[in-house]
Amino acid sequence: MKMFVDPGAIYLHREPVDFRKSINGLALIVEQEMKLSPISPALFVFCNKNRDRVKALYWDRTGFCLWYKRLERDKFKWPLKYPGQTMTLSEVDWERLLAGYDILGHRALLYAGLIG
């Protein structure tokens, strides 16, 4: 997924978050739980408890941007067994996660039309 700005880093928050949280709540998670600055040149990625929705937060020098994706028939292959609370992703891993791949096991969503 291409953003309007290229992130310097992509950080995935592994634990599910309450998706009623918007920009301020997610920025607080970045500061307090991930121990990172929400205005750094980075993309911060979150999922909900059901793992069928993803939010991505980033700062674009003039304000915060919030990106949202909801799956209709499956769940994101979230890396639940990875150690630690925060995981750093490459752009390729980020694209693979959004395409339905298990980035740790390289399996795709069933309906994604990809061979896993």
PDB file of N, CA and C in Angstrom:
ATOM      1  N   MET A   1       0.843  -1.181   0.000  1.00  0.00           N
ATOM      2  CA  MET A   1       0.000   0.000   0.000  1.00  0.00           C
ATOM      3  C   MET A   1       0.879   1.231   0.000  1.00  0.00           C
ATOM      4  N   LYS A   2       0.695   2.103  -0.932  1.00  0.00           N
ATOM      5  CA  LYS A   2       1.481   3.323  -0.997  1.00  0.00           C
ATOM      6  C   LYS A   2       0.781   4.431  -0.222  1.00  0.00           C
ATOM      7  N   MET A   3       1.555   5.106   0.594  1.00  0.00           N
ATOM      8  CA  MET A   3       1.059   6.241   1.358  1.00  0.00           C
ATOM      9  C   MET A   3       1.385   7.525   0.595  1.00  0.00           C
ATOM     10  N   PHE A   4       0.869   8.609   1.066  1.00  0.00           N
ATOM     11  CA  PHE A   4       1.207   9.902   0.472  1.00  0.00           C
ATOM     12  C   PHE A   4       2.643  10.286   0.798  1.00  0.00           C
ATOM     13  N   VAL A   5       3.160   9.751   1.888  1.00  0.00           N
ATOM     14  CA  VAL A   5       4.563   9.943   2.254  1.00  0.00           C
ATOM     15  C   VAL A   5       5.174   8.566   2.471  1.00  0.00           C
ATOM     16  N   ASP A   6       6.455   8.441   2.227  1.00  0.00           N
ATOM     17  CA  ASP A   6       7.123   7.173   2.483  1.00  0.00           C
ATOM     18  C   ASP A   6       7.509   7.114   3.950  1.00  0.00           C
ATOM     19  N   PRO A   7       7.049   6.081   4.660  1.00  0.00           N
ATOM     20  CA  PRO A   7       7.405   5.986   6.075  1.00  0.00           C
ATOM     21  C   PRO A   7       8.870   5.598   6.232  1.00  0.00           C
ATOM     22  N   GLY A   8       9.507   6.135   7.245  1.00  0.00           N
ATOM     23  CA  GLY A   8      10.872   5.738   7.541  1.00  0.00           C
ATOM     24  C   GLY A   8      10.906   4.338   8.121  1.00  0.00           C
ATOM     25  N   ALA A   9       9.822   3.934   8.784  1.00  0.00           N
ATOM     26  CA  ALA A   9       9.719   2.612   9.396  1.00  0.00           C
ATOM     27  C   ALA A   9       8.238   2.240   9.472  1.00  0.00           C
ATOM     28  N   ILE A  10       7.979   0.954   9.583  1.00  0.00           N
ATOM     29  CA  ILE A  10       6.615   0.455   9.745  1.00  0.00           C
ATOM     30  C   ILE A  10       6.604  -0.397  11.005  1.00  0.00           C
ATOM     31  N   TYR A  11       5.796   0.021  11.977  1.00  0.00           N
ATOM     32  CA  TYR A  11       5.712  -0.680  13.251  1.00  0.00           C
ATOM     33  C   TYR A  11       4.325  -1.276  13.408  1.00  0.00           C
ATOM     34  N   LEU A  12       4.279  -2.554  13.725  1.00  0.00           N
ATOM     35  CA  LEU A  12       3.030  -3.255  13.929  1.00  0.00           C
ATOM     36  C   LEU A  12       2.844  -3.473  15.419  1.00  0.00           C
ATOM     37  N   HIS A  13       1.713  -3.038  15.952  1.00  0.00           N
ATOM     38  CA  HIS A  13       1.353  -3.292  17.347  1.00  0.00           C
ATOM     39  C   HIS A  13       0.677  -4.654  17.367  1.00  0.00           C
ATOM     40  N   ARG A  14       1.292  -5.629  18.010  1.00  0.00           N
ATOM     41  CA  ARG A  14       0.820  -7.003  17.905  1.00  0.00           C
ATOM     42  C   ARG A  14      -0.482  -7.291  18.632  1.00  0.00           C
ATOM     43  N   GLU A  15      -0.702  -6.688  19.765  1.00  0.00           N
ATOM     44  CA  GLU A  15      -1.926  -6.947  20.526  1.00  0.00           C
ATOM     45  C   GLU A  15      -3.100  -6.202  19.894  1.00  0.00           C
ATOM     46  N   PRO A  16      -4.291  -6.800  19.873  1.00  0.00           N
ATOM     47  CA  PRO A  16      -5.458  -6.100  19.332  1.00  0.00           C
ATOM     48  C   PRO A  16      -5.774  -4.846  20.149  1.00  0.00           C
ATOM     49  N   VAL A  17      -6.345  -3.864  19.466  1.00  0.00           N
ATOM     50  CA  VAL A  17      -6.756  -2.629  20.148  1.00  0.00           C
ATOM     51  C   VAL A  17      -8.253  -2.418  19.945  1.00  0.00           C
ATOM     52  N   ASP A  18      -8.826  -1.631  20.826  1.00  0.00           N
ATOM     53  CA  ASP A  18     -10.231  -1.243  20.737  1.00  0.00           C
ATOM     54  C   ASP A  18     -10.374  -0.307  19.538  1.00  0.00           C
ATOM     55  N   PHE A  19     -11.126  -0.724  18.533  1.00  0.00           N
ATOM     56  CA  PHE A  19     -11.218   0.078  17.316  1.00  0.00           C
ATOM     57  C   PHE A  19     -12.152   1.265  17.435  1.00  0.00           C
ATOM     58  N   ARG A  20     -12.680   1.512  18.615  1.00  0.00           N
ATOM     59  CA  ARG A  20     -13.362   2.788  18.845  1.00  0.00           C
ATOM     60  C   ARG A  20     -12.326   3.897  18.990  1.00  0.00           C
ATOM     61  N   LYS A  21     -11.070   3.508  19.244  1.00  0.00           N
ATOM     62  CA  LYS A  21      -9.996   4.499  19.335  1.00  0.00           C
ATOM     63  C   LYS A  21      -9.751   5.095  17.957  1.00  0.00           C
ATOM     64  N   SER A  22      -9.537   6.384  17.956  1.00  0.00           N
ATOM     65  CA  SER A  22      -9.214   7.069  16.708  1.00  0.00           C
ATOM     66  C   SER A  22      -7.795   7.610  16.826  1.00  0.00           C
ATOM     67  N   ILE A  23      -7.526   8.719  16.205  1.00  0.00           N
ATOM     68  CA  ILE A  23      -6.162   9.252  16.142  1.00  0.00           C
ATOM     69  C   ILE A  23      -5.548   9.471  17.518  1.00  0.00           C
ATOM     70  N   ASN A  24      -6.234  10.184  18.390  1.00  0.00           N
ATOM     71  CA  ASN A  24      -5.646  10.488  19.700  1.00  0.00           C
ATOM     72  C   ASN A  24      -5.383   9.235  20.521  1.00  0.00           C
ATOM     73  N   GLY A  25      -6.327   8.295  20.529  1.00  0.00           N
ATOM     74  CA  GLY A  25      -6.152   7.060  21.283  1.00  0.00           C
ATOM     75  C   GLY A  25      -5.026   6.201  20.738  1.00  0.00           C
ATOM     76  N   LEU A  26      -4.917   6.119  19.420  1.00  0.00           N
ATOM     77  CA  LEU A  26      -3.844   5.329  18.817  1.00  0.00           C
ATOM     78  C   LEU A  26      -2.489   5.997  19.019  1.00  0.00           C
ATOM     79  N   ALA A  27      -2.442   7.325  18.943  1.00  0.00           N
ATOM     80  CA  ALA A  27      -1.186   8.042  19.197  1.00  0.00           C
ATOM     81  C   ALA A  27      -0.721   7.814  20.635  1.00  0.00           C
ATOM     82  N   LEU A  28      -1.662   7.731  21.549  1.00  0.00           N
ATOM     83  CA  LEU A  28      -1.329   7.453  22.946  1.00  0.00           C
ATOM     84  C   LEU A  28      -0.743   6.042  23.099  1.00  0.00           C
ATOM     85  N   ILE A  29      -1.287   5.068  22.374  1.00  0.00           N
ATOM     86  CA  ILE A  29      -0.729   3.712  22.395  1.00  0.00           C
ATOM     87  C   ILE A  29       0.698   3.719  21.854  1.00  0.00           C
ATOM     88  N   VAL A  30       0.917   4.474  20.781  1.00  0.00           N
ATOM     89  CA  VAL A  30       2.266   4.567  20.205  1.00  0.00           C
ATOM     90  C   VAL A  30       3.240   5.091  21.257  1.00  0.00           C
ATOM     91  N   GLU A  31       2.847   6.150  21.967  1.00  0.00           N
ATOM     92  CA  GLU A  31       3.725   6.750  22.983  1.00  0.00           C
ATOM     93  C   GLU A  31       3.905   5.856  24.197  1.00  0.00           C
ATOM     94  N   GLN A  32       2.798   5.395  24.776  1.00  0.00           N
ATOM     95  CA  GLN A  32       2.871   4.713  26.066  1.00  0.00           C
ATOM     96  C   GLN A  32       3.213   3.238  25.977  1.00  0.00           C
ATOM     97  N   GLU A  33       2.663   2.518  25.006  1.00  0.00           N
ATOM     98  CA  GLU A  33       2.891   1.076  24.930  1.00  0.00           C
ATOM     99  C   GLU A  33       4.043   0.712  23.989  1.00  0.00           C
ATOM    100  N   MET A  34       4.112   1.409  22.852  1.00  0.00           N
ATOM    101  CA  MET A  34       5.156   1.090  21.886  1.00  0.00           C
ATOM    102  C   MET A  34       6.447   1.856  22.165  1.00  0.00           C
ATOM    103  N   LYS A  35       6.358   2.874  23.035  1.00  0.00           N
ATOM    104  CA  LYS A  35       7.515   3.697  23.415  1.00  0.00           C
ATOM    105  C   LYS A  35       8.171   4.365  22.205  1.00  0.00           C
ATOM    106  N   LEU A  36       7.322   4.872  21.289  1.00  0.00           N
ATOM    107  CA  LEU A  36       7.791   5.542  20.083  1.00  0.00           C
ATOM    108  C   LEU A  36       7.097   6.893  19.958  1.00  0.00           C
ATOM    109  N   SER A  37       7.630   7.748  19.126  1.00  0.00           N
ATOM    110  CA  SER A  37       7.026   9.056  18.907  1.00  0.00           C
ATOM    111  C   SER A  37       6.027   8.960  17.752  1.00  0.00           C
ATOM    112  N   PRO A  38       4.757   9.318  17.985  1.00  0.00           N
ATOM    113  CA  PRO A  38       3.763   9.228  16.913  1.00  0.00           C
ATOM    114  C   PRO A  38       4.001  10.220  15.771  1.00  0.00           C
ATOM    115  N   ILE A  39       4.859  11.217  15.972  1.00  0.00           N
ATOM    116  CA  ILE A  39       5.135  12.168  14.886  1.00  0.00           C
ATOM    117  C   ILE A  39       6.452  11.859  14.175  1.00  0.00           C
ATOM    118  N   SER A  40       7.015  10.695  14.466  1.00  0.00           N
ATOM    119  CA  SER A  40       8.219  10.278  13.736  1.00  0.00           C
ATOM    120  C   SER A  40       7.816   9.856  12.322  1.00  0.00           C
ATOM    121  N   PRO A  41       8.741   9.816  11.385  1.00  0.00           N
ATOM    122  CA  PRO A  41       8.405   9.396  10.018  1.00  0.00           C
ATOM    123  C   PRO A  41       8.194   7.881   9.962  1.00  0.00           C
ATOM    124  N   ALA A  42       7.040   7.441  10.449  1.00  0.00           N
ATOM    125  CA  ALA A  42       6.758   6.012  10.543  1.00  0.00           C
ATOM    126  C   ALA A  42       5.267   5.763  10.357  1.00  0.00           C
ATOM    127  N   LEU A  43       4.956   4.530  10.052  1.00  0.00           N
ATOM    128  CA  LEU A  43       3.589   4.052   9.936  1.00  0.00           C
ATOM    129  C   LEU A  43       3.354   3.115  11.110  1.00  0.00           C
ATOM    130  N   PHE A  44       2.282   3.332  11.858  1.00  0.00           N
ATOM    131  CA  PHE A  44       1.957   2.522  13.026  1.00  0.00           C
ATOM    132  C   PHE A  44       0.684   1.737  12.710  1.00  0.00           C
ATOM    133  N   VAL A  45       0.772   0.411  12.795  1.00  0.00           N
ATOM    134  CA  VAL A  45      -0.290  -0.472  12.317  1.00  0.00           C
ATOM    135  C   VAL A  45      -0.930  -1.199  13.494  1.00  0.00           C
ATOM    136  N   PHE A  46      -2.276  -1.252  13.483  1.00  0.00           N
ATOM    137  CA  PHE A  46      -3.060  -1.859  14.562  1.00  0.00           C
ATOM    138  C   PHE A  46      -4.143  -2.754  13.971  1.00  0.00           C
ATOM    139  N   CYS A  47      -4.552  -3.777  14.734  1.00  0.00           N
ATOM    140  CA  CYS A  47      -5.694  -4.592  14.321  1.00  0.00           C
ATOM    141  C   CYS A  47      -6.700  -4.665  15.469  1.00  0.00           C
ATOM    142  N   ASN A  48      -7.917  -5.070  15.123  1.00  0.00           N
ATOM    143  CA  ASN A  48      -8.950  -5.249  16.140  1.00  0.00           C
ATOM    144  C   ASN A  48      -8.918  -6.692  16.662  1.00  0.00           C
ATOM    145  N   LYS A  49      -9.740  -6.975  17.645  1.00  0.00           N
ATOM    146  CA  LYS A  49      -9.751  -8.291  18.286  1.00  0.00           C
ATOM    147  C   LYS A  49     -10.104  -9.405  17.298  1.00  0.00           C
ATOM    148  N   ASN A  50     -11.024  -9.157  16.382  1.00  0.00           N
ATOM    149  CA  ASN A  50     -11.428 -10.174  15.407  1.00  0.00           C
ATOM    150  C   ASN A  50     -10.440 -10.317  14.254  1.00  0.00           C
ATOM    151  N   ARG A  51      -9.476  -9.429  14.160  1.00  0.00           N
ATOM    152  CA  ARG A  51      -8.450  -9.405  13.120  1.00  0.00           C
ATOM    153  C   ARG A  51      -9.022  -9.272  11.709  1.00  0.00           C
ATOM    154  N   ASP A  52     -10.185  -8.637  11.596  1.00  0.00           N
ATOM    155  CA  ASP A  52     -10.752  -8.403  10.266  1.00  0.00           C
ATOM    156  C   ASP A  52     -10.638  -6.933   9.857  1.00  0.00           C
ATOM    157  N   ARG A  53      -9.983  -6.131  10.697  1.00  0.00           N
ATOM    158  CA  ARG A  53      -9.817  -4.708  10.421  1.00  0.00           C
ATOM    159  C   ARG A  53      -8.413  -4.262  10.800  1.00  0.00           C
ATOM    160  N   VAL A  54      -7.899  -3.335  10.030  1.00  0.00           N
ATOM    161  CA  VAL A  54      -6.578  -2.766  10.279  1.00  0.00           C
ATOM    162  C   VAL A  54      -6.678  -1.254  10.202  1.00  0.00           C
ATOM    163  N   LYS A  55      -5.997  -0.597  11.122  1.00  0.00           N
ATOM    164  CA  LYS A  55      -5.836   0.855  11.073  1.00  0.00           C
ATOM    165  C   LYS A  55      -4.342   1.148  11.011  1.00  0.00           C
ATOM    166  N   ALA A  56      -4.001   2.164  10.244  1.00  0.00           N
ATOM    167  CA  ALA A  56      -2.614   2.613  10.151  1.00  0.00           C
ATOM    168  C   ALA A  56      -2.592   4.116  10.417  1.00  0.00           C
ATOM    169  N   LEU A  57      -1.742   4.524  11.322  1.00  0.00           N
ATOM    170  CA  LEU A  57      -1.618   5.920  11.728  1.00  0.00           C
ATOM    171  C   LEU A  57      -0.263   6.446  11.284  1.00  0.00           C
ATOM    172  N   TYR A  58      -0.245   7.640  10.733  1.00  0.00           N
ATOM    173  CA  TYR A  58       1.030   8.280  10.412  1.00  0.00           C
ATOM    174  C   TYR A  58       0.885   9.795  10.440  1.00  0.00           C
ATOM    175  N   TRP A  59       2.007  10.457  10.608  1.00  0.00           N
ATOM    176  CA  TRP A  59       2.106  11.906  10.653  1.00  0.00           C
ATOM    177  C   TRP A  59       2.672  12.374   9.330  1.00  0.00           C
ATOM    178  N   ASP A  60       2.032  13.341   8.676  1.00  0.00           N
ATOM    179  CA  ASP A  60       2.512  13.786   7.360  1.00  0.00           C
ATOM    180  C   ASP A  60       3.058  15.209   7.354  1.00  0.00           C
ATOM    181  N   ARG A  61       3.551  15.676   8.469  1.00  0.00           N
ATOM    182  CA  ARG A  61       4.160  17.002   8.674  1.00  0.00           C
ATOM    183  C   ARG A  61       3.140  18.113   8.892  1.00  0.00           C
ATOM    184  N   THR A  62       1.892  17.890   8.575  1.00  0.00           N
ATOM    185  CA  THR A  62       0.860  18.900   8.831  1.00  0.00           C
ATOM    186  C   THR A  62      -0.230  18.382   9.759  1.00  0.00           C
ATOM    187  N   GLY A  63      -0.225  17.088  10.009  1.00  0.00           N
ATOM    188  CA  GLY A  63      -1.236  16.491  10.872  1.00  0.00           C
ATOM    189  C   GLY A  63      -1.213  14.976  10.753  1.00  0.00           C
ATOM    190  N   PHE A  64      -2.039  14.351  11.565  1.00  0.00           N
ATOM    191  CA  PHE A  64      -2.135  12.898  11.551  1.00  0.00           C
ATOM    192  C   PHE A  64      -3.057  12.429  10.440  1.00  0.00           C
ATOM    193  N   CYS A  65      -2.738  11.264   9.897  1.00  0.00           N
ATOM    194  CA  CYS A  65      -3.583  10.588   8.913  1.00  0.00           C
ATOM    195  C   CYS A  65      -3.926   9.215   9.472  1.00  0.00           C
ATOM    196  N   LEU A  66      -5.145   8.784   9.232  1.00  0.00           N
ATOM    197  CA  LEU A  66      -5.592   7.476   9.702  1.00  0.00           C
ATOM    198  C   LEU A  66      -6.152   6.711   8.514  1.00  0.00           C
ATOM    199  N   TRP A  67      -5.591   5.553   8.246  1.00  0.00           N
ATOM    200  CA  TRP A  67      -5.997   4.696   7.139  1.00  0.00           C
ATOM    201  C   TRP A  67      -6.678   3.483   7.734  1.00  0.00           C
ATOM    202  N   TYR A  68      -7.705   2.961   7.061  1.00  0.00           N
ATOM    203  CA  TYR A  68      -8.531   1.889   7.616  1.00  0.00           C
ATOM    204  C   TYR A  68      -8.860   0.884   6.520  1.00  0.00           C
ATOM    205  N   LYS A  69      -8.773  -0.413   6.851  1.00  0.00           N
ATOM    206  CA  LYS A  69      -9.183  -1.460   5.916  1.00  0.00           C
ATOM    207  C   LYS A  69      -9.977  -2.506   6.678  1.00  0.00           C
ATOM    208  N   ARG A  70     -11.097  -2.946   6.051  1.00  0.00           N
ATOM    209  CA  ARG A  70     -11.941  -3.987   6.636  1.00  0.00           C
ATOM    210  C   ARG A  70     -12.072  -5.132   5.638  1.00  0.00           C
ATOM    211  N   LEU A  71     -11.812  -6.356   6.108  1.00  0.00           N
ATOM    212  CA  LEU A  71     -12.010  -7.535   5.272  1.00  0.00           C
ATOM    213  C   LEU A  71     -13.464  -7.980   5.382  1.00  0.00           C
ATOM    214  N   GLU A  72     -14.004  -8.468   4.304  1.00  0.00           N
ATOM    215  CA  GLU A  72     -15.393  -8.903   4.289  1.00  0.00           C
ATOM    216  C   GLU A  72     -15.566 -10.382   4.621  1.00  0.00           C
ATOM    217  N   ARG A  73     -14.591 -11.234   4.259  1.00  0.00           N
ATOM    218  CA  ARG A  73     -14.814 -12.666   4.412  1.00  0.00           C
ATOM    219  C   ARG A  73     -13.706 -13.435   5.110  1.00  0.00           C
ATOM    220  N   ASP A  74     -12.715 -12.792   5.633  1.00  0.00           N
ATOM    221  CA  ASP A  74     -11.616 -13.524   6.250  1.00  0.00           C
ATOM    222  C   ASP A  74     -10.976 -12.665   7.328  1.00  0.00           C
ATOM    223  N   LYS A  75      -9.860 -13.106   7.856  1.00  0.00           N
ATOM    224  CA  LYS A  75      -9.130 -12.378   8.886  1.00  0.00           C
ATOM    225  C   LYS A  75      -7.708 -12.142   8.411  1.00  0.00           C
ATOM    226  N   PHE A  76      -7.123 -11.059   8.905  1.00  0.00           N
ATOM    227  CA  PHE A  76      -5.713 -10.819   8.634  1.00  0.00           C
ATOM    228  C   PHE A  76      -4.897 -11.864   9.374  1.00  0.00           C
ATOM    229  N   LYS A  77      -3.831 -12.300   8.766  1.00  0.00           N
ATOM    230  CA  LYS A  77      -2.930 -13.278   9.379  1.00  0.00           C
ATOM    231  C   LYS A  77      -1.949 -12.516  10.265  1.00  0.00           C
ATOM    232  N   TRP A  78      -2.431 -12.133  11.431  1.00  0.00           N
ATOM    233  CA  TRP A  78      -1.663 -11.291  12.346  1.00  0.00           C
ATOM    234  C   TRP A  78      -0.603 -12.118  13.047  1.00  0.00           C
ATOM    235  N   PRO A  79       0.620 -11.634  13.170  1.00  0.00           N
ATOM    236  CA  PRO A  79       1.711 -12.406  13.796  1.00  0.00           C
ATOM    237  C   PRO A  79       1.578 -12.450  15.315  1.00  0.00           C
ATOM    238  N   LEU A  80       0.655 -13.260  15.795  1.00  0.00           N
ATOM    239  CA  LEU A  80       0.367 -13.324  17.225  1.00  0.00           C
ATOM    240  C   LEU A  80       1.475 -13.999  18.034  1.00  0.00           C
ATOM    241  N   LYS A  81       2.225 -14.896  17.420  1.00  0.00           N
ATOM    242  CA  LYS A  81       3.245 -15.664  18.149  1.00  0.00           C
ATOM    243  C   LYS A  81       4.616 -15.016  18.127  1.00  0.00           C
ATOM    244  N   TYR A  82       4.737 -13.865  17.519  1.00  0.00           N
ATOM    245  CA  TYR A  82       6.005 -13.150  17.474  1.00  0.00           C
ATOM    246  C   TYR A  82       6.291 -12.575  18.859  1.00  0.00           C
ATOM    247  N   PRO A  83       7.525 -12.680  19.366  1.00  0.00           N
ATOM    248  CA  PRO A  83       7.817 -12.149  20.713  1.00  0.00           C
ATOM    249  C   PRO A  83       7.778 -10.622  20.746  1.00  0.00           C
ATOM    250  N   GLY A  84       7.383 -10.081  21.867  1.00  0.00           N
ATOM    251  CA  GLY A  84       7.348  -8.640  22.053  1.00  0.00           C
ATOM    252  C   GLY A  84       6.028  -8.031  21.632  1.00  0.00           C
ATOM    253  N   GLN A  85       5.850  -6.775  21.981  1.00  0.00           N
ATOM    254  CA  GLN A  85       4.597  -6.079  21.691  1.00  0.00           C
ATOM    255  C   GLN A  85       4.626  -5.359  20.355  1.00  0.00           C
ATOM    256  N   THR A  86       5.802  -4.961  19.907  1.00  0.00           N
ATOM    257  CA  THR A  86       5.943  -4.209  18.666  1.00  0.00           C
ATOM    258  C   THR A  86       6.818  -4.990  17.704  1.00  0.00           C
ATOM    259  N   MET A  87       6.409  -5.012  16.453  1.00  0.00           N
ATOM    260  CA  MET A  87       7.158  -5.715  15.422  1.00  0.00           C
ATOM    261  C   MET A  87       7.455  -4.719  14.311  1.00  0.00           C
ATOM    262  N   THR A  88       8.681  -4.709  13.820  1.00  0.00           N
ATOM    263  CA  THR A  88       9.053  -3.847  12.709  1.00  0.00           C
ATOM    264  C   THR A  88       8.841  -4.617  11.412  1.00  0.00           C
ATOM    265  N   LEU A  89       8.154  -3.979  10.466  1.00  0.00           N
ATOM    266  CA  LEU A  89       7.873  -4.609   9.177  1.00  0.00           C
ATOM    267  C   LEU A  89       8.641  -3.918   8.063  1.00  0.00           C
ATOM    268  N   SER A  90       8.989  -4.690   7.062  1.00  0.00           N
ATOM    269  CA  SER A  90       9.500  -4.104   5.823  1.00  0.00           C
ATOM    270  C   SER A  90       8.286  -3.701   4.985  1.00  0.00           C
ATOM    271  N   GLU A  91       8.516  -2.913   3.942  1.00  0.00           N
ATOM    272  CA  GLU A  91       7.410  -2.559   3.052  1.00  0.00           C
ATOM    273  C   GLU A  91       6.838  -3.798   2.382  1.00  0.00           C
ATOM    274  N   VAL A  92       7.691  -4.755   2.068  1.00  0.00           N
ATOM    275  CA  VAL A  92       7.236  -6.002   1.453  1.00  0.00           C
ATOM    276  C   VAL A  92       6.340  -6.769   2.422  1.00  0.00           C
ATOM    277  N   ASP A  93       6.737  -6.869   3.704  1.00  0.00           N
ATOM    278  CA  ASP A  93       5.902  -7.541   4.707  1.00  0.00           C
ATOM    279  C   ASP A  93       4.564  -6.835   4.875  1.00  0.00           C
ATOM    280  N   TRP A  94       4.559  -5.511   4.881  1.00  0.00           N
ATOM    281  CA  TRP A  94       3.336  -4.730   5.003  1.00  0.00           C
ATOM    282  C   TRP A  94       2.398  -5.024   3.826  1.00  0.00           C
ATOM    283  N   GLU A  95       2.941  -5.025   2.631  1.00  0.00           N
ATOM    284  CA  GLU A  95       2.131  -5.330   1.445  1.00  0.00           C
ATOM    285  C   GLU A  95       1.621  -6.767   1.481  1.00  0.00           C
ATOM    286  N   ARG A  96       2.456  -7.683   1.933  1.00  0.00           N
ATOM    287  CA  ARG A  96       2.039  -9.088   2.037  1.00  0.00           C
ATOM    288  C   ARG A  96       0.948  -9.259   3.088  1.00  0.00           C
ATOM    289  N   LEU A  97       1.067  -8.580   4.223  1.00  0.00           N
ATOM    290  CA  LEU A  97       0.041  -8.646   5.263  1.00  0.00           C
ATOM    291  C   LEU A  97      -1.299  -8.167   4.712  1.00  0.00           C
ATOM    292  N   LEU A  98      -1.293  -7.041   4.004  1.00  0.00           N
ATOM    293  CA  LEU A  98      -2.534  -6.501   3.433  1.00  0.00           C
ATOM    294  C   LEU A  98      -3.092  -7.390   2.332  1.00  0.00           C
ATOM    295  N   ALA A  99      -2.221  -8.132   1.649  1.00  0.00           N
ATOM    296  CA  ALA A  99      -2.661  -9.038   0.578  1.00  0.00           C
ATOM    297  C   ALA A  99      -3.182 -10.359   1.133  1.00  0.00           C
ATOM    298  N   GLY A 100      -3.069 -10.548   2.437  1.00  0.00           N
ATOM    299  CA  GLY A 100      -3.614 -11.745   3.051  1.00  0.00           C
ATOM    300  C   GLY A 100      -2.614 -12.793   3.455  1.00  0.00           C
ATOM    301  N   TYR A 101      -1.341 -12.491   3.321  1.00  0.00           N
ATOM    302  CA  TYR A 101      -0.328 -13.465   3.695  1.00  0.00           C
ATOM    303  C   TYR A 101      -0.060 -13.451   5.188  1.00  0.00           C
ATOM    304  N   ASP A 102       0.248 -14.633   5.710  1.00  0.00           N
ATOM    305  CA  ASP A 102       0.814 -14.772   7.040  1.00  0.00           C
ATOM    306  C   ASP A 102       2.292 -14.450   6.863  1.00  0.00           C
ATOM    307  N   ILE A 103       2.727 -13.290   7.326  1.00  0.00           N
ATOM    308  CA  ILE A 103       4.086 -12.847   7.033  1.00  0.00           C
ATOM    309  C   ILE A 103       5.142 -13.708   7.726  1.00  0.00           C
ATOM    310  N   LEU A 104       4.745 -14.477   8.724  1.00  0.00           N
ATOM    311  CA  LEU A 104       5.693 -15.387   9.362  1.00  0.00           C
ATOM    312  C   LEU A 104       5.662 -16.766   8.719  1.00  0.00           C
ATOM    313  N   GLY A 105       4.516 -17.138   8.118  1.00  0.00           N
ATOM    314  CA  GLY A 105       4.389 -18.468   7.526  1.00  0.00           C
ATOM    315  C   GLY A 105       4.134 -18.446   6.029  1.00  0.00           C
ATOM    316  N   HIS A 106       3.920 -17.264   5.441  1.00  0.00           N
ATOM    317  CA  HIS A 106       3.741 -17.081   4.004  1.00  0.00           C
ATOM    318  C   HIS A 106       2.525 -17.801   3.432  1.00  0.00           C
ATOM    319  N   ARG A 107       1.411 -17.850   4.175  1.00  0.00           N
ATOM    320  CA  ARG A 107       0.156 -18.391   3.648  1.00  0.00           C
ATOM    321  C   ARG A 107      -0.764 -17.228   3.321  1.00  0.00           C
ATOM    322  N   ALA A 108      -1.557 -17.365   2.273  1.00  0.00           N
ATOM    323  CA  ALA A 108      -2.456 -16.296   1.829  1.00  0.00           C
ATOM    324  C   ALA A 108      -3.873 -16.552   2.333  1.00  0.00           C
ATOM    325  N   LEU A 109      -4.697 -15.499   2.331  1.00  0.00           N
ATOM    326  CA  LEU A 109      -6.111 -15.640   2.594  1.00  0.00           C
ATOM    327  C   LEU A 109      -6.710 -16.546   1.525  1.00  0.00           C
ATOM    328  N   LEU A 110      -7.750 -17.266   1.883  1.00  0.00           N
ATOM    329  CA  LEU A 110      -8.346 -18.225   0.954  1.00  0.00           C
ATOM    330  C   LEU A 110      -8.909 -17.574  -0.296  1.00  0.00           C
ATOM    331  N   TYR A 111      -9.504 -16.424  -0.178  1.00  0.00           N
ATOM    332  CA  TYR A 111     -10.157 -15.806  -1.338  1.00  0.00           C
ATOM    333  C   TYR A 111      -9.290 -14.759  -2.018  1.00  0.00           C
ATOM    334  N   ALA A 112      -8.055 -14.616  -1.594  1.00  0.00           N
ATOM    335  CA  ALA A 112      -7.203 -13.571  -2.146  1.00  0.00           C
ATOM    336  C   ALA A 112      -6.728 -13.881  -3.566  1.00  0.00           C
ATOM    337  N   GLY A 113      -6.974 -15.101  -4.045  1.00  0.00           N
ATOM    338  CA  GLY A 113      -6.555 -15.465  -5.386  1.00  0.00           C
ATOM    339  C   GLY A 113      -5.067 -15.709  -5.502  1.00  0.00           C
ATOM    340  N   LEU A 114      -4.419 -15.924  -4.372  1.00  0.00           N
ATOM    341  CA  LEU A 114      -2.973 -16.141  -4.344  1.00  0.00           C
ATOM    342  C   LEU A 114      -2.686 -17.566  -3.902  1.00  0.00           C
ATOM    343  N   ILE A 115      -1.628 -18.107  -4.384  1.00  0.00           N
ATOM    344  CA  ILE A 115      -1.224 -19.448  -3.953  1.00  0.00           C
ATOM    345  C   ILE A 115      -0.366 -19.303  -2.706  1.00  0.00           C
ATOM    346  N   GLY A 116      -0.725 -20.001  -1.616  1.00  0.00           N
ATOM    347  CA  GLY A 116      -0.019 -19.827  -0.349  1.00  0.00           C
ATOM    348  C   GLY A 116       0.854 -20.926   0.029  1.00  0.00           C
TER     349      GLY A 116
END
